[in-house]
PDB file of N, CA and C in Angstrom:
ATOM      1  N   MET A   1     -13.117 -13.913   1.785  1.00  0.00           N
ATOM      2  CA  MET A   1     -12.223 -12.842   0.995  1.00  0.00           C
ATOM      3  C   MET A   1     -10.721 -13.477   1.255  1.00  0.00           C
ATOM      4  N   GLU A   2      -9.927 -13.257   0.135  1.00  0.00           N
ATOM      5  CA  GLU A   2      -8.592 -13.254   0.414  1.00  0.00           C
ATOM      6  C   GLU A   2      -7.842 -12.073   0.865  1.00  0.00           C
ATOM      7  N   LYS A   3      -7.081 -12.627   1.800  1.00  0.00           N
ATOM      8  CA  LYS A   3      -6.144 -11.923   2.574  1.00  0.00           C
ATOM      9  C   LYS A   3      -5.433 -10.894   1.561  1.00  0.00           C
ATOM     10  N   ILE A   4      -5.401  -9.486   1.945  1.00  0.00           N
ATOM     11  CA  ILE A   4      -4.873  -8.534   1.021  1.00  0.00           C
ATOM     12  C   ILE A   4      -3.432  -8.007   1.972  1.00  0.00           C
ATOM     13  N   GLY A   5      -2.072  -8.056   1.285  1.00  0.00           N
ATOM     14  CA  GLY A   5      -1.095  -7.737   1.979  1.00  0.00           C
ATOM     15  C   GLY A   5      -0.193  -6.775   1.378  1.00  0.00           C
ATOM     16  N   LEU A   6       0.870  -5.953   1.855  1.00  0.00           N
ATOM     17  CA  LEU A   6       1.436  -4.941   1.147  1.00  0.00           C
ATOM     18  C   LEU A   6       2.332  -5.822  -0.023  1.00  0.00           C
ATOM     19  N   GLY A   7       2.232  -4.922  -0.914  1.00  0.00           N
ATOM     20  CA  GLY A   7       3.004  -5.133  -2.336  1.00  0.00           C
ATOM     21  C   GLY A   7       1.912  -5.898  -3.212  1.00  0.00           C
ATOM     22  N   ASP A   8       0.779  -6.222  -2.743  1.00  0.00           N
ATOM     23  CA  ASP A   8      -0.129  -6.722  -3.750  1.00  0.00           C
ATOM     24  C   ASP A   8      -0.725  -6.156  -4.721  1.00  0.00           C
ATOM     25  N   ARG A   9      -1.247  -6.438  -5.790  1.00  0.00           N
ATOM     26  CA  ARG A   9      -1.892  -5.486  -6.743  1.00  0.00           C
ATOM     27  C   ARG A   9      -3.231  -5.562  -6.347  1.00  0.00           C
ATOM     28  N   ALA A  10      -4.305  -4.622  -6.064  1.00  0.00           N
ATOM     29  CA  ALA A  10      -5.473  -4.527  -5.624  1.00  0.00           C
ATOM     30  C   ALA A  10      -6.438  -3.673  -6.219  1.00  0.00           C
ATOM     31  N   ARG A  11      -7.498  -3.718  -6.166  1.00  0.00           N
ATOM     32  CA  ARG A  11      -9.009  -2.871  -6.999  1.00  0.00           C
ATOM     33  C   ARG A  11      -9.807  -2.734  -5.679  1.00  0.00           C
ATOM     34  N   GLU A  12     -10.036  -1.443  -6.003  1.00  0.00           N
ATOM     35  CA  GLU A  12     -11.281  -1.082  -5.121  1.00  0.00           C
ATOM     36  C   GLU A  12     -12.501  -1.356  -5.898  1.00  0.00           C
ATOM     37  N   LYS A  13     -13.655  -2.107  -5.001  1.00  0.00           N
ATOM     38  CA  LYS A  13     -14.673  -2.684  -5.946  1.00  0.00           C
ATOM     39  C   LYS A  13     -15.530  -1.643  -6.673  1.00  0.00           C
ATOM     40  N   PHE A  14     -15.935  -0.592  -5.926  1.00  0.00           N
ATOM     41  CA  PHE A  14     -16.880   0.749  -6.754  1.00  0.00           C
ATOM     42  C   PHE A  14     -16.653   1.642  -7.723  1.00  0.00           C
ATOM     43  N   THR A  15     -15.158   1.946  -7.098  1.00  0.00           N
ATOM     44  CA  THR A  15     -14.534   3.172  -7.948  1.00  0.00           C
ATOM     45  C   THR A  15     -13.622   2.600  -9.240  1.00  0.00           C
ATOM     46  N   GLY A  16     -13.331   1.363  -8.888  1.00  0.00           N
ATOM     47  CA  GLY A  16     -12.128   0.761 -10.147  1.00  0.00           C
ATOM     48  C   GLY A  16     -11.000   1.263  -9.711  1.00  0.00           C
ATOM     49  N   VAL A  17     -10.378   1.701  -8.894  1.00  0.00           N
ATOM     50  CA  VAL A  17      -9.178   2.395  -8.825  1.00  0.00           C
ATOM     51  C   VAL A  17      -7.917   0.939  -8.259  1.00  0.00           C
ATOM     52  N   GLU A  18      -7.102   0.778  -9.093  1.00  0.00           N
ATOM     53  CA  GLU A  18      -6.211  -0.386  -9.026  1.00  0.00           C
ATOM     54  C   GLU A  18      -4.862   0.254  -9.165  1.00  0.00           C
ATOM     55  N   GLY A  19      -4.046  -0.408  -8.066  1.00  0.00           N
ATOM     56  CA  GLY A  19      -2.689  -0.181  -7.964  1.00  0.00           C
ATOM     57  C   GLY A  19      -1.945  -1.209  -7.043  1.00  0.00           C
ATOM     58  N   ILE A  20      -1.027  -0.862  -6.245  1.00  0.00           N
ATOM     59  CA  ILE A  20      -0.256  -1.527  -5.335  1.00  0.00           C
ATOM     60  C   ILE A  20      -0.368  -1.152  -4.023  1.00  0.00           C
ATOM     61  N   VAL A  21      -0.652  -2.075  -3.199  1.00  0.00           N
ATOM     62  CA  VAL A  21      -0.936  -1.818  -1.624  1.00  0.00           C
ATOM     63  C   VAL A  21       0.175  -1.471  -0.919  1.00  0.00           C
ATOM     64  N   THR A  22       0.394  -0.174  -0.590  1.00  0.00           N
ATOM     65  CA  THR A  22       1.283   0.666   0.025  1.00  0.00           C
ATOM     66  C   THR A  22       1.198   0.756   1.659  1.00  0.00           C
ATOM     67  N   GLY A  23      -0.208   0.458   2.213  1.00  0.00           N
ATOM     68  CA  GLY A  23      -0.466   0.646   3.686  1.00  0.00           C
ATOM     69  C   GLY A  23      -1.440  -0.155   3.954  1.00  0.00           C
ATOM     70  N   ILE A  24      -1.591  -0.684   4.932  1.00  0.00           N
ATOM     71  CA  ILE A  24      -2.717  -0.880   5.732  1.00  0.00           C
ATOM     72  C   ILE A  24      -2.886  -0.624   7.236  1.00  0.00           C
ATOM     73  N   THR A  25      -3.799  -0.238   7.667  1.00  0.00           N
ATOM     74  CA  THR A  25      -4.322   0.198   9.110  1.00  0.00           C
ATOM     75  C   THR A  25      -5.396  -0.392   9.494  1.00  0.00           C
ATOM     76  N   LEU A  26      -5.119  -0.636  11.039  1.00  0.00           N
ATOM     77  CA  LEU A  26      -5.861  -1.657  11.577  1.00  0.00           C
ATOM     78  C   LEU A  26      -6.504  -0.825  12.782  1.00  0.00           C
ATOM     79  N   TRP A  27      -7.900  -0.921  12.615  1.00  0.00           N
ATOM     80  CA  TRP A  27      -8.645   0.215  13.814  1.00  0.00           C
ATOM     81  C   TRP A  27      -9.190  -0.362  14.787  1.00  0.00           C
ATOM     82  N   LEU A  28      -9.237  -0.110  15.956  1.00  0.00           N
ATOM     83  CA  LEU A  28     -10.119  -0.541  17.247  1.00  0.00           C
ATOM     84  C   LEU A  28     -11.496  -0.710  16.816  1.00  0.00           C
ATOM     85  N   THR A  29     -12.064  -0.153  16.085  1.00  0.00           N
ATOM     86  CA  THR A  29     -13.506  -0.325  15.712  1.00  0.00           C
ATOM     87  C   THR A  29     -13.771  -1.138  14.461  1.00  0.00           C
ATOM     88  N   GLY A  30     -12.709  -2.091  14.216  1.00  0.00           N
ATOM     89  CA  GLY A  30     -12.751  -3.090  13.180  1.00  0.00           C
ATOM     90  C   GLY A  30     -12.894  -2.562  11.828  1.00  0.00           C
ATOM     91  N   CYS A  31     -13.065  -1.313  11.433  1.00  0.00           N
ATOM     92  CA  CYS A  31     -12.954  -0.732  10.051  1.00  0.00           C
ATOM     93  C   CYS A  31     -11.548  -0.853   9.310  1.00  0.00           C
ATOM     94  N   ASN A  32     -10.823  -1.587   8.817  1.00  0.00           N
ATOM     95  CA  ASN A  32      -9.453  -1.582   8.590  1.00  0.00           C
ATOM     96  C   ASN A  32      -9.342  -0.792   7.078  1.00  0.00           C
ATOM     97  N   HIS A  33      -8.287  -0.261   6.835  1.00  0.00           N
ATOM     98  CA  HIS A  33      -8.330   0.377   5.533  1.00  0.00           C
ATOM     99  C   HIS A  33      -7.172   0.119   4.934  1.00  0.00           C
ATOM    100  N   ILE A  34      -6.887   0.240   3.264  1.00  0.00           N
ATOM    101  CA  ILE A  34      -5.990  -0.269   2.690  1.00  0.00           C
ATOM    102  C   ILE A  34      -5.390   0.681   1.665  1.00  0.00           C
ATOM    103  N   ALA A  35      -4.613   1.144   1.697  1.00  0.00           N
ATOM    104  CA  ALA A  35      -3.677   2.193   0.711  1.00  0.00           C
ATOM    105  C   ALA A  35      -3.440   1.498  -0.531  1.00  0.00           C
ATOM    106  N   ILE A  36      -3.847   2.301  -1.404  1.00  0.00           N
ATOM    107  CA  ILE A  36      -3.527   1.665  -2.874  1.00  0.00           C
ATOM    108  C   ILE A  36      -3.055   3.041  -3.245  1.00  0.00           C
ATOM    109  N   LYS A  37      -1.730   2.831  -4.306  1.00  0.00           N
ATOM    110  CA  LYS A  37      -1.122   3.774  -4.996  1.00  0.00           C
ATOM    111  C   LYS A  37      -0.823   3.536  -6.546  1.00  0.00           C
ATOM    112  N   ARG A  38      -1.985   4.212  -7.266  1.00  0.00           N
ATOM    113  CA  ARG A  38      -2.231   4.197  -8.549  1.00  0.00           C
ATOM    114  C   ARG A  38      -0.629   4.164  -9.467  1.00  0.00           C
ATOM    115  N   GLU A  39      -0.467   3.427 -10.322  1.00  0.00           N
ATOM    116  CA  GLU A  39       0.829   4.252 -11.241  1.00  0.00           C
ATOM    117  C   GLU A  39       0.411   4.954 -12.328  1.00  0.00           C
ATOM    118  N   GLY A  40       1.558   5.553 -12.857  1.00  0.00           N
ATOM    119  CA  GLY A  40       1.293   6.737 -13.682  1.00  0.00           C
ATOM    120  C   GLY A  40       1.090   8.139 -13.383  1.00  0.00           C
ATOM    121  N   LEU A  41       0.647   8.882 -13.959  1.00  0.00           N
ATOM    122  CA  LEU A  41       0.455  10.413 -13.704  1.00  0.00           C
ATOM    123  C   LEU A  41      -0.908  10.674 -14.058  1.00  0.00           C
ATOM    124  N   ASP A  42      -1.320  11.809 -13.401  1.00  0.00           N
ATOM    125  CA  ASP A  42      -2.701  12.196 -13.531  1.00  0.00           C
ATOM    126  C   ASP A  42      -2.697  13.494 -14.496  1.00  0.00           C
ATOM    127  N   LYS A  43      -3.816  14.031 -14.614  1.00  0.00           N
ATOM    128  CA  LYS A  43      -3.836  14.710 -15.784  1.00  0.00           C
ATOM    129  C   LYS A  43      -3.088  16.180 -15.781  1.00  0.00           C
ATOM    130  N   ASP A  44      -2.449  16.626 -14.562  1.00  0.00           N
ATOM    131  CA  ASP A  44      -1.651  17.309 -14.573  1.00  0.00           C
ATOM    132  C   ASP A  44      -0.300  17.032 -14.524  1.00  0.00           C
ATOM    133  N   GLY A  45      -0.099  15.844 -14.892  1.00  0.00           N
ATOM    134  CA  GLY A  45       1.442  15.142 -15.061  1.00  0.00           C
ATOM    135  C   GLY A  45       2.126  14.716 -13.738  1.00  0.00           C
ATOM    136  N   LYS A  46       1.157  14.792 -12.663  1.00  0.00           N
ATOM    137  CA  LYS A  46       1.883  14.479 -11.104  1.00  0.00           C
ATOM    138  C   LYS A  46       1.682  13.076 -10.798  1.00  0.00           C
ATOM    139  N   PRO A  47       2.464  12.620 -10.050  1.00  0.00           N
ATOM    140  CA  PRO A  47       2.054  11.124  -9.599  1.00  0.00           C
ATOM    141  C   PRO A  47       0.667  11.279  -8.841  1.00  0.00           C
ATOM    142  N   TRP A  48       0.152  10.235  -9.015  1.00  0.00           N
ATOM    143  CA  TRP A  48      -1.442   9.768  -8.266  1.00  0.00           C
ATOM    144  C   TRP A  48      -1.066   9.995  -6.582  1.00  0.00           C
ATOM    145  N   GLU A  49      -2.017  10.243  -5.647  1.00  0.00           N
ATOM    146  CA  GLU A  49      -1.942  10.590  -4.537  1.00  0.00           C
ATOM    147  C   GLU A  49      -2.399   9.371  -4.175  1.00  0.00           C
ATOM    148  N   LEU A  50      -1.767   8.900  -2.794  1.00  0.00           N
ATOM    149  CA  LEU A  50      -2.164   7.676  -2.329  1.00  0.00           C
ATOM    150  C   LEU A  50      -3.661   7.959  -1.628  1.00  0.00           C
ATOM    151  N   LEU A  51      -4.449   6.682  -1.954  1.00  0.00           N
ATOM    152  CA  LEU A  51      -5.795   6.544  -1.787  1.00  0.00           C
ATOM    153  C   LEU A  51      -6.202   5.511  -0.808  1.00  0.00           C
ATOM    154  N   TRP A  52      -6.915   5.569   0.380  1.00  0.00           N
ATOM    155  CA  TRP A  52      -7.256   4.896   1.165  1.00  0.00           C
ATOM    156  C   TRP A  52      -8.933   4.281   1.328  1.00  0.00           C
ATOM    157  N   PHE A  53      -8.962   3.031   1.521  1.00  0.00           N
ATOM    158  CA  PHE A  53     -10.637   2.587   1.076  1.00  0.00           C
ATOM    159  C   PHE A  53     -10.447   1.555   2.215  1.00  0.00           C
ATOM    160  N   ASP A  54     -11.767   1.251   2.763  1.00  0.00           N
ATOM    161  CA  ASP A  54     -12.370   0.302   3.493  1.00  0.00           C
ATOM    162  C   ASP A  54     -11.997  -1.080   3.163  1.00  0.00           C
ATOM    163  N   GLU A  55     -11.159  -2.003   3.959  1.00  0.00           N
ATOM    164  CA  GLU A  55     -10.976  -3.199   3.721  1.00  0.00           C
ATOM    165  C   GLU A  55     -11.700  -3.990   2.747  1.00  0.00           C
ATOM    166  N   PRO A  56     -13.024  -4.052   3.252  1.00  0.00           N
ATOM    167  CA  PRO A  56     -14.125  -5.189   2.544  1.00  0.00           C
ATOM    168  C   PRO A  56     -14.418  -4.458   1.132  1.00  0.00           C
ATOM    169  N   ASN A  57     -14.030  -3.185   0.894  1.00  0.00           N
ATOM    170  CA  ASN A  57     -14.394  -2.947  -0.659  1.00  0.00           C
ATOM    171  C   ASN A  57     -13.199  -3.231  -1.430  1.00  0.00           C
ATOM    172  N   VAL A  58     -12.089  -3.805  -0.921  1.00  0.00           N
ATOM    173  CA  VAL A  58     -11.068  -3.991  -1.861  1.00  0.00           C
ATOM    174  C   VAL A  58     -10.747  -5.470  -2.104  1.00  0.00           C
ATOM    175  N   GLU A  59     -10.561  -5.602  -3.202  1.00  0.00           N
ATOM    176  CA  GLU A  59     -10.216  -6.988  -4.015  1.00  0.00           C
ATOM    177  C   GLU A  59      -8.833  -7.286  -4.415  1.00  0.00           C
ATOM    178  N   LEU A  60      -8.385  -8.456  -4.287  1.00  0.00           N
ATOM    179  CA  LEU A  60      -7.067  -8.795  -4.586  1.00  0.00           C
ATOM    180  C   LEU A  60      -6.890  -9.056  -6.242  1.00  0.00           C
ATOM    181  N   VAL A  61      -5.870  -8.398  -6.972  1.00  0.00           N
ATOM    182  CA  VAL A  61      -5.996  -8.845  -8.130  1.00  0.00           C
ATOM    183  C   VAL A  61      -4.551  -9.642  -8.752  1.00  0.00           C
ATOM    184  N   LYS A  62      -3.622  -9.313  -7.645  1.00  0.00           N
ATOM    185  CA  LYS A  62      -2.313 -10.306  -7.841  1.00  0.00           C
ATOM    186  C   LYS A  62      -1.434 -10.149  -6.664  1.00  0.00           C
ATOM    187  N   ALA A  63      -1.386 -11.143  -5.927  1.00  0.00           N
ATOM    188  CA  ALA A  63      -0.316 -11.318  -4.910  1.00  0.00           C
ATOM    189  C   ALA A  63       0.907 -11.070  -5.300  1.00  0.00           C
ATOM    190  N   LYS A  64       1.954 -10.350  -4.317  1.00  0.00           N
ATOM    191  CA  LYS A  64       2.937  -9.681  -4.388  1.00  0.00           C
ATOM    192  C   LYS A  64       3.396  -9.360  -5.692  1.00  0.00           C
ATOM    193  N   GLU A  65       2.834  -8.404  -6.211  1.00  0.00           N
ATOM    194  CA  GLU A  65       3.311  -7.646  -7.464  1.00  0.00           C
ATOM    195  C   GLU A  65       4.335  -7.173  -7.186  1.00  0.00           C
ATOM    196  N   VAL A  66       4.616  -6.572  -5.955  1.00  0.00           N
ATOM    197  CA  VAL A  66       5.878  -5.833  -5.692  1.00  0.00           C
ATOM    198  C   VAL A  66       6.451  -6.394  -4.462  1.00  0.00           C
ATOM    199  N   ALA A  67       7.893  -6.639  -4.334  1.00  0.00           N
ATOM    200  CA  ALA A  67       8.455  -7.220  -3.382  1.00  0.00           C
ATOM    201  C   ALA A  67       8.664  -6.072  -2.214  1.00  0.00           C
ATOM    202  N   GLU A  68       8.528  -6.457  -0.845  1.00  0.00           N
ATOM    203  CA  GLU A  68       8.977  -5.500   0.123  1.00  0.00           C
ATOM    204  C   GLU A  68      10.387  -5.232   0.212  1.00  0.00           C
ATOM    205  N   GLN A  69      10.731  -4.275   0.409  1.00  0.00           N
ATOM    206  CA  GLN A  69      12.102  -3.774   0.769  1.00  0.00           C
ATOM    207  C   GLN A  69      12.811  -4.572   1.726  1.00  0.00           C
ATOM    208  N   PRO A  70      14.101  -5.130   1.283  1.00  0.00           N
ATOM    209  CA  PRO A  70      14.747  -6.108   2.273  1.00  0.00           C
ATOM    210  C   PRO A  70      15.520  -5.351   3.404  1.00  0.00           C
ATOM    211  N   ALA A  71      15.768  -5.970   4.588  1.00  0.00           N
ATOM    212  CA  ALA A  71      16.361  -5.090   5.452  1.00  0.00           C
ATOM    213  C   ALA A  71      18.035  -4.999   5.096  1.00  0.00           C
ATOM    214  N   ASP A  72      18.586  -4.109   5.658  1.00  0.00           N
ATOM    215  CA  ASP A  72      20.072  -3.921   5.438  1.00  0.00           C
ATOM    216  C   ASP A  72      20.742  -5.074   6.193  1.00  0.00           C
ATOM    217  N   PRO A  73      21.682  -5.791   5.565  1.00  0.00           N
ATOM    218  CA  PRO A  73      22.158  -7.244   6.399  1.00  0.00           C
ATOM    219  C   PRO A  73      23.221  -6.504   7.399  1.00  0.00           C
ATOM    220  N   SER A  74      23.875  -5.196   7.348  1.00  0.00           N
ATOM    221  CA  SER A  74      24.502  -4.959   8.312  1.00  0.00           C
ATOM    222  C   SER A  74      23.798  -4.259   9.745  1.00  0.00           C
ATOM    223  N   THR A  75      22.666  -3.759   9.434  1.00  0.00           N
ATOM    224  CA  THR A  75      22.102  -3.292  10.578  1.00  0.00           C
ATOM    225  C   THR A  75      20.707  -3.851  10.911  1.00  0.00           C
ATOM    226  N   GLY A  76      19.906  -4.603   9.914  1.00  0.00           N
ATOM    227  CA  GLY A  76      18.804  -5.402  10.130  1.00  0.00           C
ATOM    228  C   GLY A  76      17.621  -4.430  10.106  1.00  0.00           C
ATOM    229  N   ARG A  77      17.802  -3.439   9.860  1.00  0.00           N
ATOM    230  CA  ARG A  77      16.486  -2.158   9.374  1.00  0.00           C
ATOM    231  C   ARG A  77      16.225  -2.056   7.955  1.00  0.00           C
ATOM    232  N   LYS A  78      15.046  -2.041   7.844  1.00  0.00           N
ATOM    233  CA  LYS A  78      14.519  -1.828   6.508  1.00  0.00           C
ATOM    234  C   LYS A  78      14.593  -0.202   6.339  1.00  0.00           C
ATOM    235  N   PRO A  79      14.800  -0.170   5.054  1.00  0.00           N
ATOM    236  CA  PRO A  79      14.895   1.358   4.553  1.00  0.00           C
ATOM    237  C   PRO A  79      13.410   2.316   4.860  1.00  0.00           C
ATOM    238  N   GLY A  80      13.661   3.525   5.094  1.00  0.00           N
ATOM    239  CA  GLY A  80      12.491   4.271   5.493  1.00  0.00           C
ATOM    240  C   GLY A  80      12.242   4.738   6.935  1.00  0.00           C
ATOM    241  N   GLY A  81      11.255   5.551   7.490  1.00  0.00           N
ATOM    242  CA  GLY A  81      11.041   5.788   8.557  1.00  0.00           C
ATOM    243  C   GLY A  81      12.142   6.653   9.141  1.00  0.00           C
ATOM    244  N   PRO A  82      12.064   7.063  10.434  1.00  0.00           N
ATOM    245  CA  PRO A  82      12.640   8.152  11.195  1.00  0.00           C
ATOM    246  C   PRO A  82      14.281   7.823  11.022  1.00  0.00           C
ATOM    247  N   ILE A  83      14.879   8.862  11.180  1.00  0.00           N
ATOM    248  CA  ILE A  83      16.300   8.868  10.894  1.00  0.00           C
ATOM    249  C   ILE A  83      17.117   8.851  12.179  1.00  0.00           C
ATOM    250  N   PRO A  84      17.749   7.568  12.300  1.00  0.00           N
ATOM    251  CA  PRO A  84      18.421   7.553  13.669  1.00  0.00           C
ATOM    252  C   PRO A  84      19.254   8.603  13.818  1.00  0.00           C
ATOM    253  N   ASN A  85      19.822   8.854  15.167  1.00  0.00           N
ATOM    254  CA  ASN A  85      20.561   9.739  15.675  1.00  0.00           C
ATOM    255  C   ASN A  85      20.039  11.412  15.369  1.00  0.00           C
ATOM    256  N   GLY A  86      18.922  11.730  14.904  1.00  0.00           N
ATOM    257  CA  GLY A  86      18.594  13.210  14.311  1.00  0.00           C
ATOM    258  C   GLY A  86      19.228  13.625  13.082  1.00  0.00           C
ATOM    259  N   ARG A  87      19.812  12.443  12.352  1.00  0.00           N
ATOM    260  CA  ARG A  87      20.099  13.287  11.198  1.00  0.00           C
ATOM    261  C   ARG A  87      19.509  13.930  10.584  1.00  0.00           C
TER     262      ARG A  87
END
């Protein structure tokens, strides 16, 4: 199986859900999960929710479809996450 990483385009084998990998979790039990964010809007005009799938059921469609956000050169931090200094 090809290694799937953040920013890759992937598809879940059984449901056919396809999109960009936005999260990967590693579990002590070994059943790792991959989050896929579908593009576009649902029938109500809202963005699709993030869906989590068991890693063995996800296949790579295209590597690095979306580049990871670069770190800020002045601080070395990537965007997102907790706000420093409680702002």
